Amino acid sequence: MQTVLVFKTSIHKKSHIKKVKPLLNDLIAKNGYWNFDLEDCDNILRVETQTISSDTICNVLNNHGFWCEELY
């Protein structure tokens, strides 16, 4: 069963997405999906996954210079 995680981020440019794309692809692998909504004021990252925790996603983005917080 897929879990949907939603995050508020500091990623606001396509060049930022290009920087984190390989990281998210490695994390999510073949059993999930992710996308950004840069038109939203919170620069939303939406992740569908079965195996990755929200803390893991936040840590990866934070370690690469971006702010990330899960929205509930």
N, C-alpha and C. Protein backbone atom coordinates (compact mmCIF):
# COMPACT_ATOMS: atom_id res chain seq x y z
N MET A 1 0.83 -1.19 0.00
CA MET A 1 0.00 0.00 0.00
C MET A 1 0.87 1.24 0.00
N GLN A 2 0.60 2.15 -0.91
CA GLN A 2 1.36 3.38 -1.03
C GLN A 2 0.96 4.38 0.07
N THR A 3 1.94 5.06 0.60
CA THR A 3 1.73 6.15 1.53
C THR A 3 2.03 7.44 0.80
N VAL A 4 1.21 8.45 1.00
CA VAL A 4 1.44 9.76 0.39
C VAL A 4 1.99 10.69 1.45
N LEU A 5 3.17 11.22 1.18
CA LEU A 5 3.82 12.18 2.08
C LEU A 5 3.86 13.53 1.38
N VAL A 6 3.60 14.60 2.11
CA VAL A 6 3.59 15.95 1.54
C VAL A 6 4.51 16.83 2.37
N PHE A 7 5.38 17.58 1.67
CA PHE A 7 6.38 18.39 2.34
C PHE A 7 6.35 19.84 1.83
N LYS A 8 6.63 20.76 2.73
CA LYS A 8 6.90 22.15 2.40
C LYS A 8 8.41 22.25 2.24
N THR A 9 8.89 22.87 1.15
CA THR A 9 10.34 22.90 0.90
C THR A 9 10.81 24.30 0.51
N SER A 10 12.12 24.45 0.46
CA SER A 10 12.74 25.69 -0.02
C SER A 10 13.14 25.57 -1.49
N ILE A 11 12.76 24.50 -2.12
CA ILE A 11 13.09 24.28 -3.53
C ILE A 11 12.10 25.07 -4.37
N HIS A 12 12.60 26.11 -5.06
CA HIS A 12 11.69 26.99 -5.80
C HIS A 12 12.09 27.22 -7.25
N LYS A 13 13.13 26.50 -7.72
CA LYS A 13 13.57 26.64 -9.11
C LYS A 13 13.76 25.26 -9.73
N LYS A 14 13.60 25.22 -11.04
CA LYS A 14 13.83 23.95 -11.74
C LYS A 14 15.26 23.46 -11.58
N SER A 15 16.21 24.39 -11.45
CA SER A 15 17.60 23.98 -11.25
C SER A 15 17.79 23.28 -9.91
N HIS A 16 16.99 23.65 -8.91
CA HIS A 16 17.04 22.95 -7.61
C HIS A 16 16.52 21.53 -7.78
N ILE A 17 15.45 21.38 -8.54
CA ILE A 17 14.89 20.04 -8.77
C ILE A 17 15.91 19.16 -9.47
N LYS A 18 16.62 19.72 -10.45
CA LYS A 18 17.65 18.94 -11.15
C LYS A 18 18.73 18.46 -10.19
N LYS A 19 19.03 19.28 -9.18
CA LYS A 19 20.06 18.92 -8.20
C LYS A 19 19.61 17.75 -7.31
N VAL A 20 18.33 17.73 -6.93
CA VAL A 20 17.86 16.69 -6.02
C VAL A 20 17.24 15.48 -6.74
N LYS A 21 17.03 15.60 -8.03
CA LYS A 21 16.39 14.51 -8.79
C LYS A 21 17.10 13.17 -8.61
N PRO A 22 18.43 13.10 -8.77
CA PRO A 22 19.08 11.79 -8.60
C PRO A 22 18.94 11.25 -7.17
N LEU A 23 18.94 12.15 -6.19
CA LEU A 23 18.81 11.73 -4.80
C LEU A 23 17.43 11.13 -4.54
N LEU A 24 16.40 11.83 -5.01
CA LEU A 24 15.04 11.34 -4.82
C LEU A 24 14.78 10.07 -5.63
N ASN A 25 15.33 10.01 -6.82
CA ASN A 25 15.16 8.80 -7.63
C ASN A 25 15.80 7.59 -6.94
N ASP A 26 16.97 7.79 -6.34
CA ASP A 26 17.63 6.69 -5.62
C ASP A 26 16.83 6.28 -4.39
N LEU A 27 16.28 7.25 -3.68
CA LEU A 27 15.50 6.96 -2.48
C LEU A 27 14.20 6.24 -2.79
N ILE A 28 13.48 6.77 -3.74
CA ILE A 28 12.15 6.27 -4.03
C ILE A 28 12.21 4.97 -4.83
N ALA A 29 13.24 4.83 -5.63
CA ALA A 29 13.47 3.62 -6.45
C ALA A 29 12.27 3.33 -7.35
N LYS A 30 11.97 2.07 -7.52
CA LYS A 30 10.93 1.68 -8.46
C LYS A 30 9.56 1.57 -7.82
N ASN A 31 9.48 1.67 -6.51
CA ASN A 31 8.22 1.47 -5.82
C ASN A 31 7.57 2.76 -5.36
N GLY A 32 7.79 3.83 -6.08
CA GLY A 32 7.20 5.09 -5.66
C GLY A 32 7.22 6.14 -6.74
N TYR A 33 6.84 7.33 -6.34
CA TYR A 33 6.72 8.45 -7.27
C TYR A 33 6.89 9.73 -6.46
N TRP A 34 7.49 10.75 -7.08
CA TRP A 34 7.61 12.05 -6.43
C TRP A 34 7.44 13.16 -7.45
N ASN A 35 6.98 14.33 -6.98
CA ASN A 35 6.92 15.51 -7.84
C ASN A 35 6.87 16.77 -6.99
N PHE A 36 7.24 17.88 -7.61
CA PHE A 36 7.20 19.19 -6.96
C PHE A 36 6.10 20.03 -7.58
N ASP A 37 5.48 20.88 -6.77
CA ASP A 37 4.54 21.90 -7.24
C ASP A 37 5.16 23.24 -6.92
N LEU A 38 5.90 23.80 -7.88
CA LEU A 38 6.58 25.08 -7.65
C LEU A 38 5.62 26.26 -7.75
N GLU A 39 4.41 26.05 -8.23
CA GLU A 39 3.43 27.11 -8.29
C GLU A 39 2.75 27.33 -6.94
N ASP A 40 2.83 26.36 -6.06
CA ASP A 40 2.29 26.49 -4.71
C ASP A 40 3.24 27.35 -3.88
N CYS A 41 2.70 28.18 -3.01
CA CYS A 41 3.54 29.08 -2.20
C CYS A 41 4.48 28.32 -1.26
N ASP A 42 4.17 27.06 -0.97
CA ASP A 42 5.01 26.26 -0.08
C ASP A 42 5.97 25.34 -0.84
N ASN A 43 6.03 25.47 -2.16
CA ASN A 43 6.93 24.64 -2.98
C ASN A 43 6.82 23.17 -2.58
N ILE A 44 5.65 22.64 -2.77
CA ILE A 44 5.28 21.32 -2.27
C ILE A 44 6.03 20.19 -2.97
N LEU A 45 6.53 19.27 -2.17
CA LEU A 45 7.05 18.00 -2.65
C LEU A 45 6.05 16.94 -2.21
N ARG A 46 5.57 16.17 -3.17
CA ARG A 46 4.63 15.08 -2.90
C ARG A 46 5.33 13.78 -3.25
N VAL A 47 5.31 12.85 -2.30
CA VAL A 47 5.98 11.56 -2.47
C VAL A 47 4.98 10.44 -2.20
N GLU A 48 4.92 9.49 -3.12
CA GLU A 48 4.16 8.26 -2.91
C GLU A 48 5.17 7.14 -2.77
N THR A 49 5.13 6.44 -1.65
CA THR A 49 6.12 5.40 -1.38
C THR A 49 5.54 4.34 -0.46
N GLN A 50 6.17 3.20 -0.47
CA GLN A 50 5.80 2.13 0.45
C GLN A 50 6.83 1.97 1.55
N THR A 51 8.04 2.48 1.32
CA THR A 51 9.13 2.11 2.21
C THR A 51 9.90 3.25 2.85
N ILE A 52 9.82 4.45 2.32
CA ILE A 52 10.67 5.55 2.80
C ILE A 52 9.93 6.39 3.82
N SER A 53 10.62 6.74 4.91
CA SER A 53 10.00 7.57 5.94
C SER A 53 10.15 9.05 5.60
N SER A 54 9.29 9.85 6.18
CA SER A 54 9.36 11.30 5.97
C SER A 54 10.66 11.86 6.52
N ASP A 55 11.15 11.33 7.63
CA ASP A 55 12.42 11.79 8.20
C ASP A 55 13.58 11.57 7.24
N THR A 56 13.58 10.45 6.56
CA THR A 56 14.65 10.15 5.60
C THR A 56 14.65 11.16 4.47
N ILE A 57 13.49 11.46 3.94
CA ILE A 57 13.39 12.43 2.85
C ILE A 57 13.86 13.81 3.31
N CYS A 58 13.40 14.25 4.47
CA CYS A 58 13.82 15.55 5.00
C CYS A 58 15.33 15.59 5.23
N ASN A 59 15.88 14.53 5.79
CA ASN A 59 17.32 14.50 6.05
C ASN A 59 18.14 14.60 4.77
N VAL A 60 17.72 13.90 3.74
CA VAL A 60 18.45 13.94 2.47
C VAL A 60 18.42 15.36 1.89
N LEU A 61 17.26 15.98 1.86
CA LEU A 61 17.18 17.33 1.31
C LEU A 61 17.93 18.33 2.19
N ASN A 62 17.80 18.21 3.51
CA ASN A 62 18.52 19.12 4.41
C ASN A 62 20.03 18.98 4.26
N ASN A 63 20.51 17.76 4.08
CA ASN A 63 21.95 17.52 3.92
C ASN A 63 22.50 18.07 2.61
N HIS A 64 21.61 18.40 1.68
CA HIS A 64 22.03 18.96 0.40
C HIS A 64 21.65 20.44 0.28
N GLY A 65 21.41 21.08 1.42
CA GLY A 65 21.25 22.52 1.44
C GLY A 65 19.83 23.05 1.28
N PHE A 66 18.84 22.17 1.35
CA PHE A 66 17.46 22.60 1.19
C PHE A 66 16.68 22.34 2.48
N TRP A 67 15.73 23.23 2.73
CA TRP A 67 14.86 23.08 3.88
C TRP A 67 13.65 22.24 3.48
N CYS A 68 13.22 21.37 4.37
CA CYS A 68 12.11 20.46 4.08
C CYS A 68 11.38 20.15 5.39
N GLU A 69 10.05 20.27 5.36
CA GLU A 69 9.24 19.97 6.54
C GLU A 69 7.98 19.25 6.09
N GLU A 70 7.66 18.15 6.78
CA GLU A 70 6.46 17.41 6.42
C GLU A 70 5.22 18.20 6.83
N LEU A 71 4.23 18.19 5.97
CA LEU A 71 2.93 18.79 6.27
C LEU A 71 1.97 17.67 6.66
N TYR A 72 1.17 17.93 7.67
CA TYR A 72 0.24 16.91 8.16
C TYR A 72 -1.16 17.28 7.81
